[in-house]
């Protein structure tokens, strides 16, 4: 029992040190994993580094040229592994829902293979539907 208690104290103090050294204001960012192609991992960083959510936003912006775009971590997911997307684009005009979703997934395909686990919410509209 004494050994278990000592191990628990060591583990607890290590966790407390690790958490106290990480600034909660510091966002989690993508960093490439060497030797793994386009794979990425999440880690703490500074605001000038690009987050997973920011990367997805930039890629959707470039592909669909939306008039309105919001990409955020779904359910306050801090690392962006689950995202929610709201997008209004003229490129959606005359397209069905599935075709619109395919256009978005095509834009963020690389992120879906690594840091983004799921798109939990996707609202895609043409300007005439807003």
Foldseek 3Di string as FASTA:
>chain_A
DVVVVVVVVVVVVVVVVVVVVADPVFAWAWDDDPPPPLATDIDTDHPVGAALQNQLQVLCCVQFVFPDKDKDQPPPPRRQLEIEIETEGQVCPPPDPVVQVVSSCVSCVSCCVHRHVYHPYYHYYYPVVD
